[in-house]
Amino acid sequence: MKKLLFIGLVAATGLTSCDKVENIYPEGVSSSELDWSLYPDGDSTHYVDVANAWPTFTANTNSDRNVLIEDFTGHKCVFCPAAADLASSLADANAGRVIVAGIHAGPDGSGPLQAPASGTYSHDFTTTEGSAIGVYFGNDWASSPFAGNPYGAVSRADHGNGSPVTHPSGWTGGVNTLLTANDLKVNIQAEVNYYASTRGVFLHAELDVLDAGLTNELRVVVYLMQDTIQMPQLFPAPTNDSLDYVHKHVMRGTIDGRAFGRELDADHLDVNGKYYFNYSYALPSEYSANNTHLLIYVRDAVTEEVYHVIEKAVN
């Protein structure tokens, strides 16, 4: 197992001492990591004490482990639409339990099947984080079977090939195995507040590690997802260029610029034994708040298995 390369993005908070808040929920968790310029009413005191926007999480009664399908795809990959249809059908057949992320990346990151080109395929679906994930599970992973598109991962679990990734022919079996076992090791709940005037997205997440046997480093990752976008897709002949193709579950990066997430460490551990993470994010102008959602998951930084995943609408 090779070492993971973490990609970090330092975000300016622009806070002053007047933004200190006492007795926010949960106890001891600081709001100083948030960019309050994205909050229309100006500061954390108003957000917490006046707007009551900071969530008070109740007991998480969820007992089901959700499954994440990461579909490594490309808009110039003729075999990728069939894989995308398979992923969508598995999600539809297991509503709320199977969640899909279409990542436009190959084993070398942004390759010829993903790279935008003048004319029909000028749209750029690639992201810095998606490319990093593709390279990590492709070229950088010893003996990875991920040599081209389409390929993917089912909660990044090893389904018998010594790798977190597998051919689409293994997706159905991988999904059924995880759903049947339903071994929930980490629970997640989250709340999102969106402010249209600033395009500010505030995410508050509670992570509860249920399995004391999880001793590896754990990390939380948050994808920005575009639900649907109509753009060309290359198909096998005789279809060739499908100009009205609807791309679903499009991964548009991560909201903190970290492809591999933030560590569940003592800085985010509350007195109740749960971890709390807070994010602020400026939704890019090219995306509609009504056509995007956040995908939140916890991964094992050693085995890469995704232990649980949830979705939250932006608006």
Protein backbone atom coordinates (compact mmCIF):
# COMPACT_ATOMS: atom_id res chain seq x y z
CA MET A 1 0.00 0.00 0.00
CA LYS A 2 1.52 3.25 -1.06
CA LYS A 3 1.36 6.49 0.82
CA LEU A 4 -1.48 8.86 0.12
CA LEU A 5 -0.71 12.26 -1.28
CA PHE A 6 -2.97 14.85 0.27
CA ILE A 7 -3.98 17.92 -1.64
CA GLY A 8 -4.80 20.91 0.54
CA LEU A 9 -6.32 24.25 -0.15
CA VAL A 10 -5.89 27.03 2.38
CA ALA A 11 -8.99 29.21 2.62
CA ALA A 12 -8.98 32.67 4.14
CA THR A 13 -11.52 33.15 6.88
CA GLY A 14 -11.45 36.94 7.19
CA LEU A 15 -12.51 36.80 10.84
CA THR A 16 -11.98 39.31 13.60
CA SER A 17 -12.18 39.00 17.35
CA CYS A 18 -15.77 40.31 17.37
CA ASP A 19 -16.85 37.08 15.69
CA LYS A 20 -16.13 34.92 18.74
CA VAL A 21 -19.20 33.07 19.93
CA GLU A 22 -19.75 31.58 23.35
CA ASN A 23 -21.68 28.37 23.99
CA ILE A 24 -22.30 27.48 20.36
CA TYR A 25 -23.39 23.95 19.53
CA PRO A 26 -21.71 21.56 19.90
CA GLU A 27 -19.79 22.56 23.02
CA GLY A 28 -16.18 23.43 22.37
CA VAL A 29 -16.44 23.45 18.55
CA SER A 30 -15.16 26.70 17.05
CA SER A 31 -16.87 28.61 14.26
CA SER A 32 -13.62 30.36 13.36
CA GLU A 33 -13.04 28.08 10.35
CA LEU A 34 -16.01 29.64 8.54
CA ASP A 35 -15.95 32.61 6.16
CA TRP A 36 -18.60 34.90 7.61
CA SER A 37 -18.47 37.22 4.61
CA LEU A 38 -20.68 34.59 2.94
CA TYR A 39 -23.37 35.10 5.58
CA PRO A 40 -25.68 38.03 4.65
CA ASP A 41 -26.15 39.18 8.23
CA GLY A 42 -22.48 39.49 8.77
CA ASP A 43 -21.21 37.48 11.71
CA SER A 44 -21.34 34.31 13.70
CA THR A 45 -23.21 35.88 16.62
CA HIS A 46 -26.21 36.62 14.41
CA TYR A 47 -25.96 33.22 12.69
CA VAL A 48 -26.02 31.34 16.00
CA ASP A 49 -28.00 33.51 18.40
CA VAL A 50 -30.46 35.36 16.16
CA ALA A 51 -31.03 33.23 13.06
CA ASN A 52 -30.62 29.95 14.99
CA ALA A 53 -28.90 28.63 11.87
CA TRP A 54 -26.37 26.51 13.74
CA PRO A 55 -28.01 23.06 13.92
CA THR A 56 -28.74 21.14 17.07
CA PHE A 57 -28.33 17.54 16.01
CA THR A 58 -30.68 15.05 17.62
CA ALA A 59 -29.83 11.38 18.06
CA ASN A 60 -28.96 9.81 14.72
CA THR A 61 -31.35 6.88 14.37
CA ASN A 62 -30.05 5.75 10.99
CA SER A 63 -29.00 2.09 10.97
CA ASP A 64 -28.32 1.59 7.25
CA ARG A 65 -24.98 1.78 5.51
CA ASN A 66 -25.22 3.59 2.19
CA VAL A 67 -23.09 2.63 -0.79
CA LEU A 68 -21.10 5.01 -3.01
CA ILE A 69 -20.51 4.24 -6.68
CA GLU A 70 -17.74 6.39 -8.15
CA ASP A 71 -17.97 6.15 -11.93
CA PHE A 72 -14.75 7.18 -13.66
CA THR A 73 -16.03 8.44 -16.98
CA GLY A 74 -15.36 10.74 -19.93
CA HIS A 75 -17.52 12.62 -22.41
CA LYS A 76 -15.49 11.18 -25.31
CA CYS A 77 -15.62 7.60 -23.98
CA VAL A 78 -17.98 5.55 -26.16
CA PHE A 79 -18.49 2.80 -23.57
CA CYS A 80 -19.12 5.17 -20.66
CA PRO A 81 -22.84 5.88 -21.23
CA ALA A 82 -23.67 2.20 -20.60
CA ALA A 83 -21.71 2.28 -17.33
CA ALA A 84 -23.46 5.52 -16.30
CA ASP A 85 -26.84 3.90 -17.01
CA LEU A 86 -25.87 0.92 -14.86
CA ALA A 87 -24.85 3.16 -11.95
CA SER A 88 -28.09 5.14 -12.23
CA SER A 89 -30.18 1.98 -12.37
CA LEU A 90 -28.51 0.66 -9.21
CA ALA A 91 -29.23 3.96 -7.48
CA ASP A 92 -32.86 3.95 -8.66
CA ALA A 93 -33.36 0.35 -7.54
CA ASN A 94 -31.97 1.15 -4.11
CA ALA A 95 -33.29 4.66 -3.55
CA GLY A 96 -31.44 6.50 -0.81
CA ARG A 97 -29.06 3.62 -0.22
CA VAL A 98 -26.91 3.79 -3.37
CA ILE A 99 -25.38 7.15 -4.28
CA VAL A 100 -23.49 7.90 -7.51
CA ALA A 101 -20.65 10.28 -8.31
CA GLY A 102 -19.60 10.58 -11.95
CA ILE A 103 -15.92 11.60 -11.90
CA HIS A 104 -14.53 12.69 -15.26
CA ALA A 105 -11.06 11.24 -14.90
CA GLY A 106 -8.94 8.42 -16.17
CA PRO A 107 -5.98 6.56 -14.63
CA ASP A 108 -3.73 9.44 -15.67
CA GLY A 109 -6.10 12.15 -14.52
CA SER A 110 -7.48 14.18 -17.38
CA GLY A 111 -6.73 12.11 -20.45
CA PRO A 112 -7.96 12.24 -24.06
CA LEU A 113 -11.40 10.91 -23.10
CA GLN A 114 -11.95 13.77 -20.64
CA ALA A 115 -10.02 16.70 -22.07
CA PRO A 116 -12.17 19.44 -23.61
CA ALA A 117 -11.70 20.08 -27.30
CA SER A 118 -12.82 22.81 -29.64
CA GLY A 119 -16.21 22.27 -31.20
CA THR A 120 -18.63 19.62 -29.97
CA TYR A 121 -16.71 18.56 -26.86
CA SER A 122 -15.60 21.95 -25.58
CA HIS A 123 -17.24 21.57 -22.18
CA ASP A 124 -14.80 20.86 -19.36
CA PHE A 125 -16.06 18.29 -16.86
CA THR A 126 -12.65 17.76 -15.27
CA THR A 127 -11.69 18.95 -11.80
CA THR A 128 -8.40 19.17 -9.96
CA GLU A 129 -9.66 16.88 -7.20
CA GLY A 130 -11.26 14.39 -9.59
CA SER A 131 -8.05 14.12 -11.59
CA ALA A 132 -6.05 13.55 -8.39
CA ILE A 133 -8.40 10.74 -7.39
CA GLY A 134 -8.14 9.19 -10.85
CA VAL A 135 -4.33 9.22 -10.78
CA TYR A 136 -4.24 7.85 -7.25
CA PHE A 137 -6.41 4.83 -8.05
CA GLY A 138 -4.95 4.44 -11.53
CA ASN A 139 -1.31 5.06 -12.36
CA ASP A 140 -0.20 5.44 -8.74
CA TRP A 141 -1.86 2.33 -7.31
CA ALA A 142 0.34 -0.76 -7.56
CA SER A 143 -1.24 -3.38 -9.83
CA SER A 144 -4.38 -1.31 -10.31
CA PRO A 145 -6.78 -2.77 -12.89
CA PHE A 146 -7.88 0.80 -13.68
CA ALA A 147 -6.29 1.20 -17.09
CA GLY A 148 -9.02 3.11 -18.89
CA ASN A 149 -12.64 4.18 -18.89
CA PRO A 150 -15.19 3.16 -17.85
CA TYR A 151 -14.07 1.92 -14.45
CA GLY A 152 -15.22 2.67 -10.94
CA ALA A 153 -15.39 1.92 -7.25
CA VAL A 154 -18.14 0.54 -5.03
CA SER A 155 -17.50 2.23 -1.67
CA ARG A 156 -13.84 1.65 -2.57
CA ALA A 157 -14.10 -1.79 -1.03
CA ASP A 158 -11.83 -4.58 -2.23
CA HIS A 159 -14.21 -6.97 -3.96
CA GLY A 160 -11.56 -9.60 -4.60
CA ASN A 161 -9.22 -7.96 -7.11
CA GLY A 162 -6.78 -6.40 -4.63
CA SER A 163 -7.89 -2.88 -5.52
CA PRO A 164 -10.57 -0.39 -4.47
CA VAL A 165 -11.61 -0.06 -8.14
CA THR A 166 -13.38 -2.53 -10.36
CA HIS A 167 -14.82 -2.91 -13.85
CA PRO A 168 -18.53 -2.01 -14.18
CA SER A 169 -19.26 -5.73 -14.48
CA GLY A 170 -18.48 -5.95 -10.76
CA TRP A 171 -20.65 -3.05 -9.62
CA THR A 172 -23.92 -4.92 -9.17
CA GLY A 173 -22.34 -7.70 -7.13
CA GLY A 174 -20.36 -5.21 -5.06
CA VAL A 175 -23.45 -3.15 -4.29
CA ASN A 176 -25.50 -6.22 -3.35
CA THR A 177 -22.75 -7.54 -1.07
CA LEU A 178 -22.48 -4.30 0.89
CA LEU A 179 -26.24 -3.72 1.10
CA THR A 180 -26.84 -7.26 2.32
CA ALA A 181 -24.13 -7.05 4.99
CA ASN A 182 -25.36 -3.57 5.97
CA ASP A 183 -22.40 -3.11 8.32
CA LEU A 184 -22.68 0.50 9.48
CA LYS A 185 -19.35 1.51 11.00
CA VAL A 186 -19.69 5.30 10.81
CA ASN A 187 -22.88 7.34 10.98
CA ILE A 188 -23.27 10.75 9.36
CA GLN A 189 -25.83 13.50 9.63
CA ALA A 190 -25.58 17.00 8.25
CA GLU A 191 -27.42 20.27 7.71
CA VAL A 192 -26.95 22.83 4.94
CA ASN A 193 -27.82 26.53 4.92
CA TYR A 194 -27.72 28.40 1.60
CA TYR A 195 -27.83 32.18 1.15
CA ALA A 196 -28.67 33.24 -2.39
CA SER A 197 -27.53 36.86 -1.99
CA THR A 198 -23.93 35.78 -1.30
CA ARG A 199 -24.15 32.29 -2.85
CA GLY A 200 -22.81 31.13 0.48
CA VAL A 201 -23.14 27.46 1.42
CA PHE A 202 -22.72 26.53 5.08
CA LEU A 203 -22.41 22.83 5.86
CA HIS A 204 -22.45 21.37 9.37
CA ALA A 205 -21.73 17.65 9.72
CA GLU A 206 -21.77 15.26 12.67
CA LEU A 207 -19.73 12.05 12.35
CA ASP A 208 -20.19 9.19 14.79
CA VAL A 209 -17.65 6.33 14.65
CA LEU A 210 -19.69 3.32 15.75
CA ASP A 211 -17.06 0.62 15.33
CA ALA A 212 -14.34 0.82 17.97
CA GLY A 213 -12.26 -1.50 15.82
CA LEU A 214 -11.61 1.25 13.30
CA THR A 215 -8.07 2.25 14.25
CA ASN A 216 -6.85 3.57 10.90
CA GLU A 217 -6.93 7.26 10.13
CA LEU A 218 -10.39 8.34 8.94
CA ARG A 219 -11.15 11.32 6.73
CA VAL A 220 -14.31 13.15 5.73
CA VAL A 221 -14.70 14.27 2.11
CA VAL A 222 -17.36 16.57 0.63
CA TYR A 223 -18.04 16.61 -3.13
CA LEU A 224 -19.99 19.33 -4.91
CA MET A 225 -22.34 17.50 -7.26
CA GLN A 226 -24.23 18.81 -10.27
CA ASP A 227 -27.41 16.78 -10.60
CA THR A 228 -27.93 17.01 -14.36
CA ILE A 229 -26.38 18.85 -17.29
CA GLN A 230 -27.20 18.49 -20.99
CA MET A 231 -23.98 18.34 -22.96
CA PRO A 232 -22.67 16.16 -25.82
CA GLN A 233 -21.50 12.61 -25.19
CA LEU A 234 -19.75 10.30 -27.61
CA PHE A 235 -21.48 6.95 -28.27
CA PRO A 236 -20.53 3.92 -30.34
CA ALA A 237 -21.54 4.04 -34.01
CA PRO A 238 -24.05 4.62 -35.45
CA THR A 239 -25.12 7.05 -32.70
CA ASN A 240 -21.73 8.74 -32.47
CA ASP A 241 -22.27 12.29 -31.17
CA SER A 242 -25.28 12.54 -28.88
CA LEU A 243 -25.85 16.30 -28.57
CA ASP A 244 -28.80 16.08 -26.18
CA TYR A 245 -27.23 13.65 -23.70
CA VAL A 246 -27.99 14.34 -20.03
CA HIS A 247 -25.02 13.83 -17.74
CA LYS A 248 -26.11 12.90 -14.21
CA HIS A 249 -24.33 12.85 -10.84
CA VAL A 250 -21.48 15.06 -12.09
CA MET A 251 -18.71 15.60 -9.54
CA ARG A 252 -17.60 19.25 -9.70
CA GLY A 253 -14.82 19.13 -7.13
CA THR A 254 -14.73 19.31 -3.35
CA ILE A 255 -15.94 22.28 -1.32
CA ASP A 256 -12.66 22.63 0.57
CA GLY A 257 -10.29 21.79 -2.28
CA ARG A 258 -9.20 18.54 -0.60
CA ALA A 259 -9.49 15.48 -2.81
CA PHE A 260 -8.88 13.15 0.13
CA GLY A 261 -10.60 15.06 2.90
CA ARG A 262 -9.99 16.24 6.45
CA GLU A 263 -8.87 14.00 9.27
CA LEU A 264 -11.19 13.00 12.08
CA ASP A 265 -8.82 14.21 14.76
CA ALA A 266 -8.92 15.56 18.30
CA ASP A 267 -9.51 19.10 17.05
CA HIS A 268 -12.93 18.03 15.77
CA LEU A 269 -13.86 15.64 18.57
CA ASP A 270 -16.55 16.80 20.97
CA VAL A 271 -17.07 15.81 24.60
CA ASN A 272 -19.88 13.50 23.46
CA GLY A 273 -17.41 11.39 21.46
CA LYS A 274 -18.59 12.60 18.05
CA TYR A 275 -16.77 14.58 15.40
CA TYR A 276 -18.04 17.88 14.04
CA PHE A 277 -16.96 19.54 10.80
CA ASN A 278 -18.12 22.91 9.53
CA TYR A 279 -17.64 24.33 6.05
CA SER A 280 -18.38 27.57 4.25
CA TYR A 281 -18.26 27.64 0.46
CA ALA A 282 -19.03 30.15 -2.28
CA LEU A 283 -21.11 28.33 -4.89
CA PRO A 284 -19.58 29.16 -8.31
CA SER A 285 -21.80 31.33 -10.50
CA GLU A 286 -22.03 28.70 -13.25
CA TYR A 287 -23.96 26.31 -11.00
CA SER A 288 -27.56 26.61 -9.88
CA ALA A 289 -28.27 26.01 -6.21
CA ASN A 290 -31.39 24.11 -7.31
CA ASN A 291 -29.36 21.70 -9.45
CA THR A 292 -26.57 20.86 -7.02
CA HIS A 293 -26.07 18.85 -3.87
CA LEU A 294 -23.30 17.89 -1.48
CA LEU A 295 -22.05 14.33 -1.19
CA ILE A 296 -20.47 13.60 2.20
CA TYR A 297 -18.53 10.45 3.00
CA VAL A 298 -15.99 9.03 5.43
CA ARG A 299 -13.06 7.05 4.05
CA ASP A 300 -10.37 4.87 5.59
CA ALA A 301 -7.05 6.54 4.74
CA VAL A 302 -5.28 3.16 4.68
CA THR A 303 -7.65 0.70 3.01
CA GLU A 304 -9.60 3.47 1.17
CA GLU A 305 -12.96 1.88 1.99
CA VAL A 306 -15.84 4.35 2.21
CA TYR A 307 -17.77 3.44 5.34
CA HIS A 308 -20.84 5.59 4.78
CA VAL A 309 -22.12 8.32 2.46
CA ILE A 310 -25.03 10.75 2.47
CA GLU A 311 -26.36 13.51 0.20
CA LYS A 312 -27.66 16.95 1.11
CA ALA A 313 -29.32 19.40 -1.27
CA VAL A 314 -27.68 22.81 -1.50
CA ASN A 315 -31.01 24.62 -1.68
